[in-house]
Amino acid sequence: MSSSSSDWSFPYEVQLHETFPALHEAERAFMSQIDSLPAPDRKTHELIRLVCVVALRNHDGVVRHAGLAREVGATWEEVLGSVVLTIPAFGVAPAVEAMPHARSGFDAAPDPEAD
């Protein structure tokens, strides 16, 4: 059975699933456990992951985690502040490159979940 990229969260998953389905399922189970850690809280979790993808210059990841951060209650100021906090360790360029991607993901995300 062939799958399309719309079935997965990340583009690489199509090839991984078609080539090594058991490995892909194990990776998805592992990531599900990471996503369900009780601490830090979900907003902090997404902001930390945002900082990581900024440092890696993974612009698709910046869009994704800025949007997820908004969905769980982060403000634009918190998202932008997290991006800027990467400057001392990784330099100005990755942060500046990430800003429009963060804005795009943040603006495209649904309003925060109600508690």
PDB file of N, CA and C in Angstrom:
ATOM      1  N   MET A   1       0.848  -1.185   0.000  1.00  0.00           N
ATOM      2  CA  MET A   1       0.000   0.000   0.000  1.00  0.00           C
ATOM      3  C   MET A   1       0.885   1.236   0.000  1.00  0.00           C
ATOM      4  N   SER A   2       0.665   2.106  -0.932  1.00  0.00           N
ATOM      5  CA  SER A   2       1.443   3.334  -1.034  1.00  0.00           C
ATOM      6  C   SER A   2       0.748   4.433  -0.244  1.00  0.00           C
ATOM      7  N   SER A   3       1.523   5.331   0.290  1.00  0.00           N
ATOM      8  CA  SER A   3       0.955   6.434   1.057  1.00  0.00           C
ATOM      9  C   SER A   3       1.439   7.738   0.463  1.00  0.00           C
ATOM     10  N   SER A   4       0.725   8.794   0.749  1.00  0.00           N
ATOM     11  CA  SER A   4       1.119  10.115   0.266  1.00  0.00           C
ATOM     12  C   SER A   4       1.689  10.925   1.417  1.00  0.00           C
ATOM     13  N   SER A   5       2.394  11.996   1.077  1.00  0.00           N
ATOM     14  CA  SER A   5       2.994  12.833   2.112  1.00  0.00           C
ATOM     15  C   SER A   5       1.948  13.493   2.998  1.00  0.00           C
ATOM     16  N   SER A   6       0.693  13.592   2.525  1.00  0.00           N
ATOM     17  CA  SER A   6      -0.356  14.194   3.353  1.00  0.00           C
ATOM     18  C   SER A   6      -0.772  13.281   4.510  1.00  0.00           C
ATOM     19  N   ASP A   7      -0.350  11.997   4.461  1.00  0.00           N
ATOM     20  CA  ASP A   7      -0.667  11.060   5.535  1.00  0.00           C
ATOM     21  C   ASP A   7       0.262  11.217   6.743  1.00  0.00           C
ATOM     22  N   TRP A   8       1.327  11.985   6.618  1.00  0.00           N
ATOM     23  CA  TRP A   8       2.375  12.045   7.629  1.00  0.00           C
ATOM     24  C   TRP A   8       2.661  13.486   8.034  1.00  0.00           C
ATOM     25  N   SER A   9       3.274  13.645   9.183  1.00  0.00           N
ATOM     26  CA  SER A   9       3.638  14.977   9.683  1.00  0.00           C
ATOM     27  C   SER A   9       4.864  15.543   8.982  1.00  0.00           C
ATOM     28  N   PHE A  10       5.762  14.664   8.530  1.00  0.00           N
ATOM     29  CA  PHE A  10       7.025  15.099   7.945  1.00  0.00           C
ATOM     30  C   PHE A  10       7.221  14.439   6.589  1.00  0.00           C
ATOM     31  N   PRO A  11       7.786  15.154   5.620  1.00  0.00           N
ATOM     32  CA  PRO A  11       7.980  14.582   4.282  1.00  0.00           C
ATOM     33  C   PRO A  11       8.812  13.302   4.265  1.00  0.00           C
ATOM     34  N   TYR A  12       9.805  13.173   5.124  1.00  0.00           N
ATOM     35  CA  TYR A  12      10.668  11.992   5.116  1.00  0.00           C
ATOM     36  C   TYR A  12       9.923  10.712   5.487  1.00  0.00           C
ATOM     37  N   GLU A  13       8.757  10.847   6.123  1.00  0.00           N
ATOM     38  CA  GLU A  13       8.058   9.671   6.615  1.00  0.00           C
ATOM     39  C   GLU A  13       7.557   8.754   5.500  1.00  0.00           C
ATOM     40  N   VAL A  14       7.236   9.306   4.338  1.00  0.00           N
ATOM     41  CA  VAL A  14       6.752   8.483   3.231  1.00  0.00           C
ATOM     42  C   VAL A  14       7.804   7.439   2.866  1.00  0.00           C
ATOM     43  N   GLN A  15       9.016   7.891   2.597  1.00  0.00           N
ATOM     44  CA  GLN A  15      10.086   6.966   2.206  1.00  0.00           C
ATOM     45  C   GLN A  15      10.444   6.014   3.335  1.00  0.00           C
ATOM     46  N   LEU A  16      10.521   6.523   4.551  1.00  0.00           N
ATOM     47  CA  LEU A  16      10.859   5.659   5.681  1.00  0.00           C
ATOM     48  C   LEU A  16       9.807   4.571   5.855  1.00  0.00           C
ATOM     49  N   HIS A  17       8.537   4.949   5.780  1.00  0.00           N
ATOM     50  CA  HIS A  17       7.457   3.976   5.961  1.00  0.00           C
ATOM     51  C   HIS A  17       7.447   2.927   4.845  1.00  0.00           C
ATOM     52  N   GLU A  18       7.647   3.381   3.617  1.00  0.00           N
ATOM     53  CA  GLU A  18       7.633   2.437   2.500  1.00  0.00           C
ATOM     54  C   GLU A  18       8.834   1.496   2.528  1.00  0.00           C
ATOM     55  N   THR A  19       9.966   1.966   3.025  1.00  0.00           N
ATOM     56  CA  THR A  19      11.187   1.167   3.022  1.00  0.00           C
ATOM     57  C   THR A  19      11.326   0.317   4.282  1.00  0.00           C
ATOM     58  N   PHE A  20      11.062   0.933   5.442  1.00  0.00           N
ATOM     59  CA  PHE A  20      11.221   0.250   6.727  1.00  0.00           C
ATOM     60  C   PHE A  20       9.996   0.530   7.601  1.00  0.00           C
ATOM     61  N   PRO A  21       8.857  -0.083   7.314  1.00  0.00           N
ATOM     62  CA  PRO A  21       7.632   0.243   8.068  1.00  0.00           C
ATOM     63  C   PRO A  21       7.741  -0.015   9.569  1.00  0.00           C
ATOM     64  N   ALA A  22       8.411  -1.078   9.973  1.00  0.00           N
ATOM     65  CA  ALA A  22       8.528  -1.362  11.412  1.00  0.00           C
ATOM     66  C   ALA A  22       9.375  -0.297  12.107  1.00  0.00           C
ATOM     67  N   LEU A  23      10.454   0.125  11.461  1.00  0.00           N
ATOM     68  CA  LEU A  23      11.291   1.189  12.011  1.00  0.00           C
ATOM     69  C   LEU A  23      10.495   2.489  12.119  1.00  0.00           C
ATOM     70  N   HIS A  24       9.708   2.778  11.096  1.00  0.00           N
ATOM     71  CA  HIS A  24       8.893   3.991  11.115  1.00  0.00           C
ATOM     72  C   HIS A  24       7.881   3.948  12.255  1.00  0.00           C
ATOM     73  N   GLU A  25       7.234   2.825  12.454  1.00  0.00           N
ATOM     74  CA  GLU A  25       6.266   2.710  13.549  1.00  0.00           C
ATOM     75  C   GLU A  25       6.951   2.862  14.906  1.00  0.00           C
ATOM     76  N   ALA A  26       8.149   2.307  15.042  1.00  0.00           N
ATOM     77  CA  ALA A  26       8.899   2.455  16.300  1.00  0.00           C
ATOM     78  C   ALA A  26       9.258   3.917  16.538  1.00  0.00           C
ATOM     79  N   GLU A  27       9.653   4.613  15.486  1.00  0.00           N
ATOM     80  CA  GLU A  27       9.993   6.042  15.609  1.00  0.00           C
ATOM     81  C   GLU A  27       8.755   6.843  16.014  1.00  0.00           C
ATOM     82  N   ARG A  28       7.616   6.534  15.408  1.00  0.00           N
ATOM     83  CA  ARG A  28       6.378   7.242  15.752  1.00  0.00           C
ATOM     84  C   ARG A  28       5.978   6.982  17.214  1.00  0.00           C
ATOM     85  N   ALA A  29       6.156   5.758  17.683  1.00  0.00           N
ATOM     86  CA  ALA A  29       5.845   5.433  19.077  1.00  0.00           C
ATOM     87  C   ALA A  29       6.767   6.198  20.022  1.00  0.00           C
ATOM     88  N   PHE A  30       8.058   6.255  19.669  1.00  0.00           N
ATOM     89  CA  PHE A  30       9.031   7.007  20.477  1.00  0.00           C
ATOM     90  C   PHE A  30       8.642   8.487  20.543  1.00  0.00           C
ATOM     91  N   MET A  31       8.331   9.078  19.380  1.00  0.00           N
ATOM     92  CA  MET A  31       7.968  10.495  19.352  1.00  0.00           C
ATOM     93  C   MET A  31       6.665  10.754  20.123  1.00  0.00           C
ATOM     94  N   SER A  32       5.761   9.809  20.088  1.00  0.00           N
ATOM     95  CA  SER A  32       4.526   9.955  20.848  1.00  0.00           C
ATOM     96  C   SER A  32       4.822  10.028  22.345  1.00  0.00           C
ATOM     97  N   GLN A  33       5.777   9.228  22.801  1.00  0.00           N
ATOM     98  CA  GLN A  33       6.173   9.270  24.209  1.00  0.00           C
ATOM     99  C   GLN A  33       6.842  10.601  24.548  1.00  0.00           C
ATOM    100  N   ILE A  34       7.678  11.110  23.663  1.00  0.00           N
ATOM    101  CA  ILE A  34       8.297  12.432  23.870  1.00  0.00           C
ATOM    102  C   ILE A  34       7.210  13.493  23.984  1.00  0.00           C
ATOM    103  N   ASP A  35       6.240  13.442  23.073  1.00  0.00           N
ATOM    104  CA  ASP A  35       5.167  14.439  23.066  1.00  0.00           C
ATOM    105  C   ASP A  35       4.297  14.371  24.315  1.00  0.00           C
ATOM    106  N   SER A  36       4.269  13.235  24.988  1.00  0.00           N
ATOM    107  CA  SER A  36       3.394  13.096  26.159  1.00  0.00           C
ATOM    108  C   SER A  36       4.124  13.262  27.495  1.00  0.00           C
ATOM    109  N   LEU A  37       5.374  13.727  27.474  1.00  0.00           N
ATOM    110  CA  LEU A  37       6.073  13.965  28.740  1.00  0.00           C
ATOM    111  C   LEU A  37       5.268  14.937  29.597  1.00  0.00           C
ATOM    112  N   PRO A  38       5.119  14.673  30.889  1.00  0.00           N
ATOM    113  CA  PRO A  38       4.327  15.551  31.741  1.00  0.00           C
ATOM    114  C   PRO A  38       5.027  16.874  32.076  1.00  0.00           C
ATOM    115  N   ALA A  39       6.331  16.919  31.940  1.00  0.00           N
ATOM    116  CA  ALA A  39       7.062  18.160  32.215  1.00  0.00           C
ATOM    117  C   ALA A  39       8.204  18.260  31.211  1.00  0.00           C
ATOM    118  N   PRO A  40       8.505  19.405  30.714  1.00  0.00           N
ATOM    119  CA  PRO A  40       7.828  20.667  31.008  1.00  0.00           C
ATOM    120  C   PRO A  40       6.424  20.699  30.407  1.00  0.00           C
ATOM    121  N   ASP A  41       5.687  21.732  30.774  1.00  0.00           N
ATOM    122  CA  ASP A  41       4.341  21.883  30.234  1.00  0.00           C
ATOM    123  C   ASP A  41       4.414  21.977  28.715  1.00  0.00           C
ATOM    124  N   ARG A  42       3.283  21.753  28.069  1.00  0.00           N
ATOM    125  CA  ARG A  42       3.261  21.648  26.606  1.00  0.00           C
ATOM    126  C   ARG A  42       3.744  22.930  25.915  1.00  0.00           C
ATOM    127  N   LYS A  43       3.411  24.098  26.441  1.00  0.00           N
ATOM    128  CA  LYS A  43       3.855  25.343  25.817  1.00  0.00           C
ATOM    129  C   LYS A  43       5.377  25.438  25.866  1.00  0.00           C
ATOM    130  N   THR A  44       5.957  25.182  27.009  1.00  0.00           N
ATOM    131  CA  THR A  44       7.415  25.211  27.142  1.00  0.00           C
ATOM    132  C   THR A  44       8.049  24.162  26.244  1.00  0.00           C
ATOM    133  N   HIS A  45       7.457  22.995  26.183  1.00  0.00           N
ATOM    134  CA  HIS A  45       7.914  21.918  25.312  1.00  0.00           C
ATOM    135  C   HIS A  45       8.031  22.405  23.864  1.00  0.00           C
ATOM    136  N   GLU A  46       6.985  23.064  23.359  1.00  0.00           N
ATOM    137  CA  GLU A  46       7.002  23.538  21.965  1.00  0.00           C
ATOM    138  C   GLU A  46       8.006  24.677  21.765  1.00  0.00           C
ATOM    139  N   LEU A  47       8.156  25.543  22.760  1.00  0.00           N
ATOM    140  CA  LEU A  47       9.138  26.628  22.637  1.00  0.00           C
ATOM    141  C   LEU A  47      10.563  26.077  22.624  1.00  0.00           C
ATOM    142  N   ILE A  48      10.827  25.043  23.422  1.00  0.00           N
ATOM    143  CA  ILE A  48      12.148  24.408  23.410  1.00  0.00           C
ATOM    144  C   ILE A  48      12.406  23.772  22.054  1.00  0.00           C
ATOM    145  N   ARG A  49      11.426  23.067  21.532  1.00  0.00           N
ATOM    146  CA  ARG A  49      11.602  22.444  20.221  1.00  0.00           C
ATOM    147  C   ARG A  49      11.768  23.510  19.137  1.00  0.00           C
ATOM    148  N   LEU A  50      11.096  24.638  19.283  1.00  0.00           N
ATOM    149  CA  LEU A  50      11.261  25.748  18.349  1.00  0.00           C
ATOM    150  C   LEU A  50      12.708  26.229  18.360  1.00  0.00           C
ATOM    151  N   VAL A  51      13.267  26.434  19.529  1.00  0.00           N
ATOM    152  CA  VAL A  51      14.656  26.873  19.648  1.00  0.00           C
ATOM    153  C   VAL A  51      15.594  25.871  18.962  1.00  0.00           C
ATOM    154  N   CYS A  52      15.335  24.600  19.145  1.00  0.00           N
ATOM    155  CA  CYS A  52      16.185  23.569  18.523  1.00  0.00           C
ATOM    156  C   CYS A  52      16.147  23.650  17.008  1.00  0.00           C
ATOM    157  N   VAL A  53      14.962  23.813  16.427  1.00  0.00           N
ATOM    158  CA  VAL A  53      14.883  23.859  14.966  1.00  0.00           C
ATOM    159  C   VAL A  53      15.412  25.172  14.409  1.00  0.00           C
ATOM    160  N   VAL A  54      15.336  26.251  15.181  1.00  0.00           N
ATOM    161  CA  VAL A  54      15.986  27.503  14.758  1.00  0.00           C
ATOM    162  C   VAL A  54      17.486  27.268  14.654  1.00  0.00           C
ATOM    163  N   ALA A  55      18.067  26.654  15.677  1.00  0.00           N
ATOM    164  CA  ALA A  55      19.513  26.397  15.681  1.00  0.00           C
ATOM    165  C   ALA A  55      19.925  25.517  14.510  1.00  0.00           C
ATOM    166  N   LEU A  56      19.068  24.588  14.114  1.00  0.00           N
ATOM    167  CA  LEU A  56      19.361  23.699  12.988  1.00  0.00           C
ATOM    168  C   LEU A  56      19.049  24.324  11.628  1.00  0.00           C
ATOM    169  N   ARG A  57      18.468  25.525  11.659  1.00  0.00           N
ATOM    170  CA  ARG A  57      18.026  26.207  10.436  1.00  0.00           C
ATOM    171  C   ARG A  57      17.025  25.348   9.658  1.00  0.00           C
ATOM    172  N   ASN A  58      16.182  24.672  10.400  1.00  0.00           N
ATOM    173  CA  ASN A  58      15.130  23.834   9.835  1.00  0.00           C
ATOM    174  C   ASN A  58      13.863  24.689   9.754  1.00  0.00           C
ATOM    175  N   HIS A  59      13.684  25.363   8.632  1.00  0.00           N
ATOM    176  CA  HIS A  59      12.596  26.326   8.512  1.00  0.00           C
ATOM    177  C   HIS A  59      11.220  25.676   8.545  1.00  0.00           C
ATOM    178  N   ASP A  60      11.085  24.464   7.991  1.00  0.00           N
ATOM    179  CA  ASP A  60       9.805  23.757   8.108  1.00  0.00           C
ATOM    180  C   ASP A  60       9.505  23.453   9.571  1.00  0.00           C
ATOM    181  N   GLY A  61      10.530  23.093  10.329  1.00  0.00           N
ATOM    182  CA  GLY A  61      10.349  22.850  11.751  1.00  0.00           C
ATOM    183  C   GLY A  61       9.973  24.110  12.510  1.00  0.00           C
ATOM    184  N   VAL A  62      10.540  25.246  12.109  1.00  0.00           N
ATOM    185  CA  VAL A  62      10.194  26.528  12.738  1.00  0.00           C
ATOM    186  C   VAL A  62       8.710  26.820  12.526  1.00  0.00           C
ATOM    187  N   VAL A  63       8.242  26.652  11.295  1.00  0.00           N
ATOM    188  CA  VAL A  63       6.817  26.870  11.008  1.00  0.00           C
ATOM    189  C   VAL A  63       5.969  25.966  11.899  1.00  0.00           C
ATOM    190  N   ARG A  64       6.324  24.695  11.940  1.00  0.00           N
ATOM    191  CA  ARG A  64       5.552  23.701  12.694  1.00  0.00           C
ATOM    192  C   ARG A  64       5.508  24.027  14.189  1.00  0.00           C
ATOM    193  N   HIS A  65       6.668  24.273  14.794  1.00  0.00           N
ATOM    194  CA  HIS A  65       6.691  24.447  16.246  1.00  0.00           C
ATOM    195  C   HIS A  65       6.203  25.829  16.679  1.00  0.00           C
ATOM    196  N   ALA A  66       6.339  26.832  15.837  1.00  0.00           N
ATOM    197  CA  ALA A  66       5.725  28.129  16.156  1.00  0.00           C
ATOM    198  C   ALA A  66       4.213  27.994  16.164  1.00  0.00           C
ATOM    199  N   GLY A  67       3.673  27.248  15.197  1.00  0.00           N
ATOM    200  CA  GLY A  67       2.237  27.019  15.152  1.00  0.00           C
ATOM    201  C   GLY A  67       1.744  26.183  16.322  1.00  0.00           C
ATOM    202  N   LEU A  68       2.468  25.118  16.626  1.00  0.00           N
ATOM    203  CA  LEU A  68       2.074  24.279  17.765  1.00  0.00           C
ATOM    204  C   LEU A  68       2.161  25.062  19.080  1.00  0.00           C
ATOM    205  N   ALA A  69       3.179  25.919  19.197  1.00  0.00           N
ATOM    206  CA  ALA A  69       3.301  26.744  20.404  1.00  0.00           C
ATOM    207  C   ALA A  69       2.078  27.648  20.558  1.00  0.00           C
ATOM    208  N   ARG A  70       1.642  28.248  19.453  1.00  0.00           N
ATOM    209  CA  ARG A  70       0.446  29.093  19.533  1.00  0.00           C
ATOM    210  C   ARG A  70      -0.771  28.278  19.940  1.00  0.00           C
ATOM    211  N   GLU A  71      -0.912  27.093  19.345  1.00  0.00           N
ATOM    212  CA  GLU A  71      -2.071  26.251  19.650  1.00  0.00           C
ATOM    213  C   GLU A  71      -2.181  25.934  21.133  1.00  0.00           C
ATOM    214  N   VAL A  72      -1.048  25.867  21.824  1.00  0.00           N
ATOM    215  CA  VAL A  72      -1.082  25.531  23.243  1.00  0.00           C
ATOM    216  C   VAL A  72      -0.891  26.756  24.140  1.00  0.00           C
ATOM    217  N   GLY A  73      -1.061  27.952  23.559  1.00  0.00           N
ATOM    218  CA  GLY A  73      -1.143  29.145  24.385  1.00  0.00           C
ATOM    219  C   GLY A  73       0.002  30.131  24.344  1.00  0.00           C
ATOM    220  N   ALA A  74       1.028  29.884  23.540  1.00  0.00           N
ATOM    221  CA  ALA A  74       2.135  30.842  23.467  1.00  0.00           C
ATOM    222  C   ALA A  74       1.701  32.086  22.704  1.00  0.00           C
ATOM    223  N   THR A  75       2.156  33.215  23.159  1.00  0.00           N
ATOM    224  CA  THR A  75       1.903  34.467  22.457  1.00  0.00           C
ATOM    225  C   THR A  75       2.976  34.666  21.390  1.00  0.00           C
ATOM    226  N   TRP A  76       2.730  35.618  20.487  1.00  0.00           N
ATOM    227  CA  TRP A  76       3.745  35.935  19.486  1.00  0.00           C
ATOM    228  C   TRP A  76       5.025  36.415  20.178  1.00  0.00           C
ATOM    229  N   GLU A  77       4.899  37.187  21.243  1.00  0.00           N
ATOM    230  CA  GLU A  77       6.075  37.689  21.959  1.00  0.00           C
ATOM    231  C   GLU A  77       6.899  36.533  22.534  1.00  0.00           C
ATOM    232  N   GLU A  78       6.253  35.482  23.027  1.00  0.00           N
ATOM    233  CA  GLU A  78       6.978  34.323  23.555  1.00  0.00           C
ATOM    234  C   GLU A  78       7.681  33.552  22.440  1.00  0.00           C
ATOM    235  N   VAL A  79       7.013  33.410  21.313  1.00  0.00           N
ATOM    236  CA  VAL A  79       7.622  32.728  20.168  1.00  0.00           C
ATOM    237  C   VAL A  79       8.822  33.524  19.669  1.00  0.00           C
ATOM    238  N   LEU A  80       8.628  34.811  19.438  1.00  0.00           N
ATOM    239  CA  LEU A  80       9.713  35.657  18.943  1.00  0.00           C
ATOM    240  C   LEU A  80      10.858  35.733  19.958  1.00  0.00           C
ATOM    241  N   GLY A  81      10.534  35.841  21.223  1.00  0.00           N
ATOM    242  CA  GLY A  81      11.567  35.867  22.258  1.00  0.00           C
ATOM    243  C   GLY A  81      12.378  34.588  22.281  1.00  0.00           C
ATOM    244  N   SER A  82      11.732  33.459  22.062  1.00  0.00           N
ATOM    245  CA  SER A  82      12.452  32.181  22.011  1.00  0.00           C
ATOM    246  C   SER A  82      13.406  32.146  20.824  1.00  0.00           C
ATOM    247  N   VAL A  83      12.966  32.654  19.690  1.00  0.00           N
ATOM    248  CA  VAL A  83      13.830  32.717  18.506  1.00  0.00           C
ATOM    249  C   VAL A  83      15.043  33.599  18.796  1.00  0.00           C
ATOM    250  N   VAL A  84      14.820  34.756  19.380  1.00  0.00           N
ATOM    251  CA  VAL A  84      15.902  35.705  19.665  1.00  0.00           C
ATOM    252  C   VAL A  84      16.881  35.138  20.694  1.00  0.00           C
ATOM    253  N   LEU A  85      16.394  34.319  21.624  1.00  0.00           N
ATOM    254  CA  LEU A  85      17.282  33.727  22.628  1.00  0.00           C
ATOM    255  C   LEU A  85      18.327  32.790  22.030  1.00  0.00           C
ATOM    256  N   THR A  86      18.168  32.411  20.780  1.00  0.00           N
ATOM    257  CA  THR A  86      19.167  31.548  20.136  1.00  0.00           C
ATOM    258  C   THR A  86      20.398  32.328  19.691  1.00  0.00           C
ATOM    259  N   ILE A  87      20.313  33.645  19.636  1.00  0.00           N
ATOM    260  CA  ILE A  87      21.402  34.463  19.083  1.00  0.00           C
ATOM    261  C   ILE A  87      22.730  34.294  19.825  1.00  0.00           C
ATOM    262  N   PRO A  88      22.780  34.334  21.151  1.00  0.00           N
ATOM    263  CA  PRO A  88      24.094  34.206  21.800  1.00  0.00           C
ATOM    264  C   PRO A  88      24.829  32.909  21.455  1.00  0.00           C
ATOM    265  N   ALA A  89      24.104  31.821  21.312  1.00  0.00           N
ATOM    266  CA  ALA A  89      24.753  30.534  21.050  1.00  0.00           C
ATOM    267  C   ALA A  89      24.953  30.246  19.569  1.00  0.00           C
ATOM    268  N   PHE A  90      24.034  30.713  18.718  1.00  0.00           N
ATOM    269  CA  PHE A  90      24.057  30.297  17.317  1.00  0.00           C
ATOM    270  C   PHE A  90      24.201  31.441  16.325  1.00  0.00           C
ATOM    271  N   GLY A  91      24.216  32.669  16.807  1.00  0.00           N
ATOM    272  CA  GLY A  91      24.417  33.812  15.931  1.00  0.00           C
ATOM    273  C   GLY A  91      23.125  34.459  15.467  1.00  0.00           C
ATOM    274  N   VAL A  92      23.292  35.609  14.858  1.00  0.00           N
ATOM    275  CA  VAL A  92      22.152  36.408  14.403  1.00  0.00           C
ATOM    276  C   VAL A  92      21.468  35.767  13.193  1.00  0.00           C
ATOM    277  N   ALA A  93      22.239  35.239  12.258  1.00  0.00           N
ATOM    278  CA  ALA A  93      21.669  34.760  10.993  1.00  0.00           C
ATOM    279  C   ALA A  93      20.574  33.707  11.175  1.00  0.00           C
ATOM    280  N   PRO A  94      20.792  32.643  11.952  1.00  0.00           N
ATOM    281  CA  PRO A  94      19.714  31.657  12.083  1.00  0.00           C
ATOM    282  C   PRO A  94      18.426  32.254  12.674  1.00  0.00           C
ATOM    283  N   ALA A  95      18.567  33.154  13.628  1.00  0.00           N
ATOM    284  CA  ALA A  95      17.391  33.767  14.243  1.00  0.00           C
ATOM    285  C   ALA A  95      16.648  34.657  13.248  1.00  0.00           C
ATOM    286  N   VAL A  96      17.396  35.480  12.536  1.00  0.00           N
ATOM    287  CA  VAL A  96      16.761  36.387  11.565  1.00  0.00           C
ATOM    288  C   VAL A  96      16.111  35.581  10.438  1.00  0.00           C
ATOM    289  N   GLU A  97      16.779  34.532   9.977  1.00  0.00           N
ATOM    290  CA  GLU A  97      16.198  33.674   8.938  1.00  0.00           C
ATOM    291  C   GLU A  97      14.918  33.010   9.429  1.00  0.00           C
ATOM    292  N   ALA A  98      14.869  32.666  10.703  1.00  0.00           N
ATOM    293  CA  ALA A  98      13.722  31.951  11.260  1.00  0.00           C
ATOM    294  C   ALA A  98      12.505  32.844  11.488  1.00  0.00           C
ATOM    295  N   MET A  99      12.705  34.122  11.678  1.00  0.00           N
ATOM    296  CA  MET A  99      11.595  35.007  12.065  1.00  0.00           C
ATOM    297  C   MET A  99      10.405  34.952  11.112  1.00  0.00           C
ATOM    298  N   PRO A 100      10.585  35.095   9.792  1.00  0.00           N
ATOM    299  CA  PRO A 100       9.394  35.033   8.931  1.00  0.00           C
ATOM    300  C   PRO A 100       8.728  33.654   8.931  1.00  0.00           C
ATOM    301  N   HIS A 101       9.502  32.608   9.108  1.00  0.00           N
ATOM    302  CA  HIS A 101       8.935  31.261   9.172  1.00  0.00           C
ATOM    303  C   HIS A 101       8.133  31.090  10.458  1.00  0.00           C
ATOM    304  N   ALA A 102       8.658  31.625  11.555  1.00  0.00           N
ATOM    305  CA  ALA A 102       7.936  31.577  12.824  1.00  0.00           C
ATOM    306  C   ALA A 102       6.625  32.356  12.718  1.00  0.00           C
ATOM    307  N   ARG A 103       6.682  33.521  12.088  1.00  0.00           N
ATOM    308  CA  ARG A 103       5.472  34.340  11.931  1.00  0.00           C
ATOM    309  C   ARG A 103       4.439  33.600  11.095  1.00  0.00           C
ATOM    310  N   SER A 104       4.904  32.982  10.030  1.00  0.00           N
ATOM    311  CA  SER A 104       4.020  32.231   9.142  1.00  0.00           C
ATOM    312  C   SER A 104       3.326  31.091   9.885  1.00  0.00           C
ATOM    313  N   GLY A 105       4.087  30.316  10.627  1.00  0.00           N
ATOM    314  CA  GLY A 105       3.504  29.216  11.386  1.00  0.00           C
ATOM    315  C   GLY A 105       2.570  29.685  12.477  1.00  0.00           C
ATOM    316  N   PHE A 106       2.977  30.749  13.157  1.00  0.00           N
ATOM    317  CA  PHE A 106       2.151  31.297  14.229  1.00  0.00           C
ATOM    318  C   PHE A 106       0.813  31.799  13.666  1.00  0.00           C
ATOM    319  N   ASP A 107       0.874  32.554  12.580  1.00  0.00           N
ATOM    320  CA  ASP A 107      -0.348  33.134  12.001  1.00  0.00           C
ATOM    321  C   ASP A 107      -1.283  32.078  11.419  1.00  0.00           C
ATOM    322  N   ALA A 108      -0.719  30.978  10.927  1.00  0.00           N
ATOM    323  CA  ALA A 108      -1.542  29.923  10.322  1.00  0.00           C
ATOM    324  C   ALA A 108      -2.180  28.997  11.355  1.00  0.00           C
ATOM    325  N   ALA A 109      -1.692  29.033  12.579  1.00  0.00           N
ATOM    326  CA  ALA A 109      -2.188  28.111  13.605  1.00  0.00           C
ATOM    327  C   ALA A 109      -3.560  28.530  14.116  1.00  0.00           C
ATOM    328  N   PRO A 110      -4.350  27.555  14.536  1.00  0.00           N
ATOM    329  CA  PRO A 110      -5.643  27.895  15.144  1.00  0.00           C
ATOM    330  C   PRO A 110      -5.441  28.593  16.488  1.00  0.00           C
ATOM    331  N   ASP A 111      -6.479  29.229  16.947  1.00  0.00           N
ATOM    332  CA  ASP A 111      -6.421  29.879  18.260  1.00  0.00           C
ATOM    333  C   ASP A 111      -6.074  28.864  19.331  1.00  0.00           C
ATOM    334  N   PRO A 112      -5.485  29.344  20.434  1.00  0.00           N
ATOM    335  CA  PRO A 112      -5.086  28.436  21.520  1.00  0.00           C
ATOM    336  C   PRO A 112      -6.269  27.602  22.014  1.00  0.00           C
ATOM    337  N   GLU A 113      -5.929  26.373  22.460  1.00  0.00           N
ATOM    338  CA  GLU A 113      -6.930  25.485  23.027  1.00  0.00           C
ATOM    339  C   GLU A 113      -7.462  26.079  24.325  1.00  0.00           C
ATOM    340  N   ALA A 114      -8.743  25.962  24.517  1.00  0.00           N
ATOM    341  CA  ALA A 114      -9.343  26.429  25.766  1.00  0.00           C
ATOM    342  C   ALA A 114      -9.158  25.362  26.837  1.00  0.00           C
ATOM    343  N   ASP A 115      -8.833  25.794  28.056  1.00  0.00           N
ATOM    344  CA  ASP A 115      -8.665  24.836  29.163  1.00  0.00           C
ATOM    345  C   ASP A 115      -9.990  24.415  29.717  1.00  0.00           C
TER     346      ASP A 115
END
